[in-house]
Amino acid sequence: MYNVEFLKSTVRKIWCILKDCEAMIARDFCIQPSLPPSIHFTDPEELHAMWPGASIHERETNAVRKWGAIFIIGMGWPLKDGSAPEEVRSPSYDNWNLNGDIIVRHPVTGYR
């Protein structure tokens, strides 16, 4: 029952809630919404392959500049080439394959 597709489905639901909250706040306070319409799913290996010379935080910033909002699946494992994990996770975490972080581009700075 719990697999990557279930995780993505859950993240999409969370993203819809965030977008609804943003729309309500934008309406009530007369501000411009800035979240992208959808969230892009990626993983540490893909980010490392796209920006191999960048630090972890630089890769995340590059990704949110490219896609606006990302969910990095499976953070915590060392990369295949032996590089450090995207993020250090608790060793007692149940399943590093079914975790991740939502990261969005800051509308003013453009950073994560």
Foldseek 3Di string as FASTA:
>chain_A
DDDVVVLVVVVFVVVVVVVVVQVVCCVVVVHDRDADPGEAEEEPQVLCVVPVPDDLQVSQLVVQLVVFKYKYAQFQDQDPVRHGTSDHDDPVDDGSRRDTDIDGQDPPPSGD
